[in-house]
Amino acid sequence: MATWANLSLQDSASPMMEQLTFFHDHTLLILIMITCLVSYIMATLFFNFNINRYLLEGQTIEIVWTILPAITLIFIALPSLRLLYLLDEISSPALTLKAIGHQWYWSYEYSDFAQIEFDSYMTPYKEMGLDGFRLLDVDNRTVLPMNTQVRVLVTAADVLHSWTVPALGVKVDATPGRLNQISFLMSRSGVFYGQCSEICGANHSFMPIVIESVPTKTFINWISSHE
């Protein structure tokens, strides 16, 4: 998870988040190059009092500064479209989890097994241990197996919510009366935190999401103990 001294993106916990991080760095590099070039041109123009009379109203220079931005946009758009289609790709999920947003908590259902349902509330600060994270820990964590394709069906019972886990590169709206879905694969074990990312009322900031990634055998034992 991100700490107070971390200004960059969180460490990725899924292949999709790795690709999103690479795309972020790719786009940022292009923006830095453009900023440096434009800043250099503006600085030279500021200190240069000479005028090239053949440059004014020149068709050639106008064609150049129209084509170059178009090529730059293509270099940004192609990987962006690739990522967009990868995000929407749901390929043979091994497990389905249903997340339902409420004011102001999340409830989860494991429909592939015997009806395992539970609510996940934020842990109050006074009830939290020394190893807890304020405003992020919950009383019931969502346990999921690592290295497994997981599909999450997201909806809401009252108003708009958003189910978001930054380390997994996952953000999907929870809309009342509509079922949205997202797919991800967790490449390592650990505990990943998220929060509702759609303003949903007075306690919007107090409905965190906690995903615990465990080995498959541990997940099966957890499922067996809750059946």
Protein backbone atom coordinates (compact mmCIF):
# COMPACT_ATOMS: atom_id res chain seq x y z
CA MET A 1 0.00 0.00 0.00
CA ALA A 2 1.06 3.63 -0.38
CA THR A 3 2.66 5.29 2.64
CA TRP A 4 3.03 8.92 3.63
CA ALA A 5 6.41 9.16 1.86
CA ASN A 6 5.32 7.46 -1.37
CA LEU A 7 4.56 9.96 -4.14
CA SER A 8 4.45 7.45 -7.01
CA LEU A 9 2.05 4.64 -7.88
CA GLN A 10 1.65 1.68 -5.56
CA ASP A 11 3.65 -1.48 -6.21
CA SER A 12 1.71 -3.60 -8.67
CA ALA A 13 0.15 -6.86 -7.51
CA SER A 14 -1.30 -7.94 -10.86
CA PRO A 15 -0.07 -8.13 -14.48
CA MET A 16 -2.68 -5.53 -15.47
CA MET A 17 -1.37 -3.00 -12.95
CA GLU A 18 2.16 -3.59 -14.29
CA GLN A 19 0.97 -2.69 -17.79
CA LEU A 20 -0.83 0.39 -16.46
CA THR A 21 2.39 1.49 -14.72
CA PHE A 22 4.40 0.98 -17.93
CA PHE A 23 1.84 3.04 -19.88
CA HIS A 24 2.00 5.79 -17.25
CA ASP A 25 5.81 5.96 -17.55
CA HIS A 26 5.62 5.85 -21.37
CA THR A 27 3.16 8.77 -21.49
CA LEU A 28 5.06 10.75 -18.87
CA LEU A 29 8.28 10.43 -20.88
CA ILE A 30 6.57 11.81 -24.00
CA LEU A 31 5.09 14.71 -22.00
CA ILE A 32 8.49 15.57 -20.51
CA MET A 33 10.08 15.58 -23.98
CA ILE A 34 7.35 17.88 -25.33
CA THR A 35 7.64 20.20 -22.30
CA CYS A 36 11.42 20.46 -22.67
CA LEU A 37 11.19 21.14 -26.42
CA VAL A 38 8.49 23.81 -26.09
CA SER A 39 10.30 25.44 -23.15
CA TYR A 40 13.53 25.60 -25.16
CA ILE A 41 11.76 27.14 -28.17
CA MET A 42 9.98 29.72 -25.98
CA ALA A 43 13.26 30.63 -24.26
CA THR A 44 15.07 31.13 -27.58
CA LEU A 45 12.20 33.24 -28.92
CA PHE A 46 12.19 35.34 -25.78
CA PHE A 47 15.86 36.27 -26.11
CA ASN A 48 15.94 36.43 -29.93
CA PHE A 49 14.91 39.77 -31.44
CA ASN A 50 15.46 38.75 -35.07
CA ILE A 51 12.57 37.73 -37.30
CA ASN A 52 12.77 35.32 -40.23
CA ARG A 53 10.51 36.91 -42.83
CA TYR A 54 10.13 33.61 -44.72
CA LEU A 55 8.75 31.89 -41.59
CA LEU A 56 5.71 34.14 -41.26
CA GLU A 57 2.54 32.56 -42.74
CA GLY A 58 4.61 29.64 -44.06
CA GLN A 59 2.64 26.62 -45.23
CA THR A 60 5.56 24.24 -44.64
CA ILE A 61 5.97 25.01 -40.93
CA GLU A 62 2.19 24.78 -40.40
CA ILE A 63 2.16 21.31 -41.99
CA VAL A 64 5.07 20.24 -39.77
CA TRP A 65 3.52 21.39 -36.50
CA THR A 66 0.25 19.70 -37.46
CA ILE A 67 1.77 16.33 -38.42
CA LEU A 68 4.20 16.03 -35.47
CA PRO A 69 1.47 16.31 -32.76
CA ALA A 70 -0.65 13.81 -34.71
CA ILE A 71 2.24 11.29 -34.72
CA THR A 72 2.78 11.91 -30.99
CA LEU A 73 -0.90 11.21 -30.27
CA ILE A 74 -0.67 7.95 -32.22
CA PHE A 75 2.24 6.80 -30.02
CA ILE A 76 0.05 7.49 -26.97
CA ALA A 77 -3.23 6.16 -28.39
CA LEU A 78 -2.04 2.72 -29.57
CA PRO A 79 -0.87 1.39 -26.17
CA SER A 80 -3.85 3.10 -24.54
CA LEU A 81 -6.33 1.23 -26.78
CA ARG A 82 -4.46 -2.03 -26.20
CA LEU A 83 -4.79 -1.57 -22.44
CA LEU A 84 -8.45 -0.63 -22.76
CA TYR A 85 -9.28 -3.88 -24.53
CA LEU A 86 -7.17 -5.91 -22.09
CA LEU A 87 -9.10 -4.42 -19.17
CA ASP A 88 -12.42 -5.47 -20.68
CA GLU A 89 -11.25 -8.99 -21.52
CA ILE A 90 -12.85 -11.62 -19.28
CA SER A 91 -11.22 -14.96 -20.07
CA SER A 92 -12.52 -18.08 -18.29
CA PRO A 93 -12.59 -16.89 -14.67
CA ALA A 94 -11.94 -19.61 -12.11
CA LEU A 95 -13.76 -17.75 -9.35
CA THR A 96 -16.59 -15.22 -9.20
CA LEU A 97 -17.03 -12.72 -6.38
CA LYS A 98 -20.01 -10.41 -6.03
CA ALA A 99 -19.48 -7.03 -4.32
CA ILE A 100 -22.47 -4.91 -3.31
CA GLY A 101 -22.08 -1.32 -2.16
CA HIS A 102 -24.24 0.04 0.65
CA GLN A 103 -24.34 3.24 2.64
CA TRP A 104 -21.70 2.84 4.00
CA TYR A 105 -20.17 -0.63 3.83
CA TRP A 106 -19.53 -3.43 1.36
CA SER A 107 -21.15 -6.86 1.31
CA TYR A 108 -19.66 -9.84 -0.53
CA GLU A 109 -21.05 -13.10 -1.93
CA TYR A 110 -19.13 -16.17 -3.08
CA SER A 111 -21.73 -17.62 -5.44
CA ASP A 112 -19.55 -20.45 -6.78
CA PHE A 113 -19.71 -22.23 -3.45
CA ALA A 114 -22.37 -22.72 -0.80
CA GLN A 115 -23.91 -19.29 -0.27
CA ILE A 116 -21.11 -17.56 1.63
CA GLU A 117 -22.15 -13.99 2.37
CA PHE A 118 -20.80 -11.40 4.78
CA ASP A 119 -20.68 -7.66 5.36
CA SER A 120 -17.41 -5.76 5.56
CA TYR A 121 -17.41 -2.70 7.85
CA MET A 122 -14.54 -0.39 8.63
CA THR A 123 -12.83 -1.21 11.92
CA PRO A 124 -13.30 1.68 14.41
CA TYR A 125 -10.06 3.27 15.56
CA LYS A 126 -10.69 2.43 19.22
CA GLU A 127 -11.10 -1.27 18.39
CA MET A 128 -8.01 -1.44 16.18
CA GLY A 129 -4.77 -3.12 17.20
CA LEU A 130 -1.30 -1.65 17.00
CA ASP A 131 -0.76 -3.25 13.58
CA GLY A 132 -3.94 -1.79 12.07
CA PHE A 133 -4.30 0.98 9.49
CA ARG A 134 -6.69 3.80 10.38
CA LEU A 135 -9.63 4.20 7.97
CA LEU A 136 -8.43 1.20 5.92
CA ASP A 137 -8.90 -1.97 7.98
CA VAL A 138 -12.19 -3.88 8.05
CA ASP A 139 -13.73 -6.49 10.33
CA ASN A 140 -14.17 -9.08 7.53
CA ARG A 141 -11.48 -9.22 4.84
CA THR A 142 -12.22 -10.53 1.35
CA VAL A 143 -10.02 -13.60 0.90
CA LEU A 144 -9.10 -14.57 -2.68
CA PRO A 145 -6.57 -17.04 -4.15
CA MET A 146 -3.42 -15.79 -5.87
CA ASN A 147 -2.47 -16.77 -9.44
CA THR A 148 -6.16 -17.32 -10.18
CA GLN A 149 -8.34 -15.44 -12.65
CA VAL A 150 -11.01 -13.76 -10.51
CA ARG A 151 -14.14 -12.09 -11.84
CA VAL A 152 -15.84 -9.50 -9.64
CA LEU A 153 -19.48 -8.56 -10.24
CA VAL A 154 -20.14 -5.14 -8.77
CA THR A 155 -23.46 -3.45 -8.02
CA ALA A 156 -25.01 -1.18 -5.40
CA ALA A 157 -28.10 -1.34 -3.23
CA ASP A 158 -28.79 2.37 -2.81
CA VAL A 159 -26.58 5.02 -4.49
CA LEU A 160 -23.51 5.12 -6.72
CA HIS A 161 -20.33 3.61 -5.27
CA SER A 162 -17.00 2.61 -6.80
CA TRP A 163 -15.06 -0.57 -5.97
CA THR A 164 -11.38 0.34 -6.24
CA VAL A 165 -8.13 -1.46 -5.37
CA PRO A 166 -5.16 0.55 -6.76
CA ALA A 167 -2.52 -2.20 -6.35
CA LEU A 168 -4.57 -4.48 -8.62
CA GLY A 169 -5.35 -1.78 -11.20
CA VAL A 170 -9.07 -2.23 -10.52
CA LYS A 171 -11.74 0.48 -10.46
CA VAL A 172 -15.37 -0.24 -11.37
CA ASP A 173 -18.56 1.70 -10.64
CA ALA A 174 -21.22 0.14 -8.44
CA THR A 175 -24.51 1.30 -9.97
CA PRO A 176 -27.93 0.47 -8.50
CA GLY A 177 -29.89 -1.81 -10.82
CA ARG A 178 -26.87 -2.58 -12.97
CA LEU A 179 -24.22 -5.32 -12.83
CA ASN A 180 -20.68 -4.30 -13.82
CA GLN A 181 -17.79 -6.75 -13.96
CA ILE A 182 -14.02 -6.65 -13.76
CA SER A 183 -11.37 -9.36 -13.93
CA PHE A 184 -7.91 -9.57 -12.39
CA LEU A 185 -5.17 -12.01 -11.40
CA MET A 186 -3.12 -11.43 -8.27
CA SER A 187 0.51 -12.34 -8.90
CA ARG A 188 1.62 -12.36 -5.26
CA SER A 189 0.22 -12.91 -1.81
CA GLY A 190 -0.44 -10.03 0.54
CA VAL A 191 -3.08 -7.62 1.81
CA PHE A 192 -4.25 -4.92 -0.61
CA TYR A 193 -6.30 -1.91 0.43
CA GLY A 194 -8.80 0.21 -1.47
CA GLN A 195 -11.59 2.68 -0.85
CA CYS A 196 -14.85 3.74 -2.42
CA SER A 197 -13.97 6.21 -5.18
CA GLU A 198 -17.41 7.68 -5.86
CA ILE A 199 -18.85 10.26 -3.46
CA CYS A 200 -21.83 8.41 -1.97
CA GLY A 201 -22.85 10.39 1.10
CA ALA A 202 -21.73 11.53 4.54
CA ASN A 203 -19.65 8.42 5.35
CA HIS A 204 -18.14 8.00 1.90
CA SER A 205 -14.62 7.98 3.36
CA PHE A 206 -15.45 5.20 5.81
CA MET A 207 -16.14 2.19 3.58
CA PRO A 208 -12.71 0.70 2.77
CA ILE A 209 -11.96 -2.44 0.76
CA VAL A 210 -9.46 -5.06 1.92
CA ILE A 211 -8.39 -7.95 -0.33
CA GLU A 212 -6.27 -10.70 1.22
CA SER A 213 -4.40 -12.72 -1.41
CA VAL A 214 -3.52 -16.21 -0.19
CA PRO A 215 -2.30 -19.49 -1.74
CA THR A 216 -5.00 -21.72 -3.23
CA LYS A 217 -4.77 -24.30 -0.44
CA THR A 218 -5.23 -21.62 2.22
CA PHE A 219 -8.23 -20.25 0.32
CA ILE A 220 -9.85 -23.70 0.12
CA ASN A 221 -9.39 -24.14 3.88
CA TRP A 222 -10.93 -20.68 4.45
CA ILE A 223 -13.91 -21.56 2.25
CA SER A 224 -14.39 -24.88 4.05
CA SER A 225 -14.40 -23.17 7.44
CA HIS A 226 -17.15 -20.75 6.32
CA GLU A 227 -19.48 -23.26 4.70
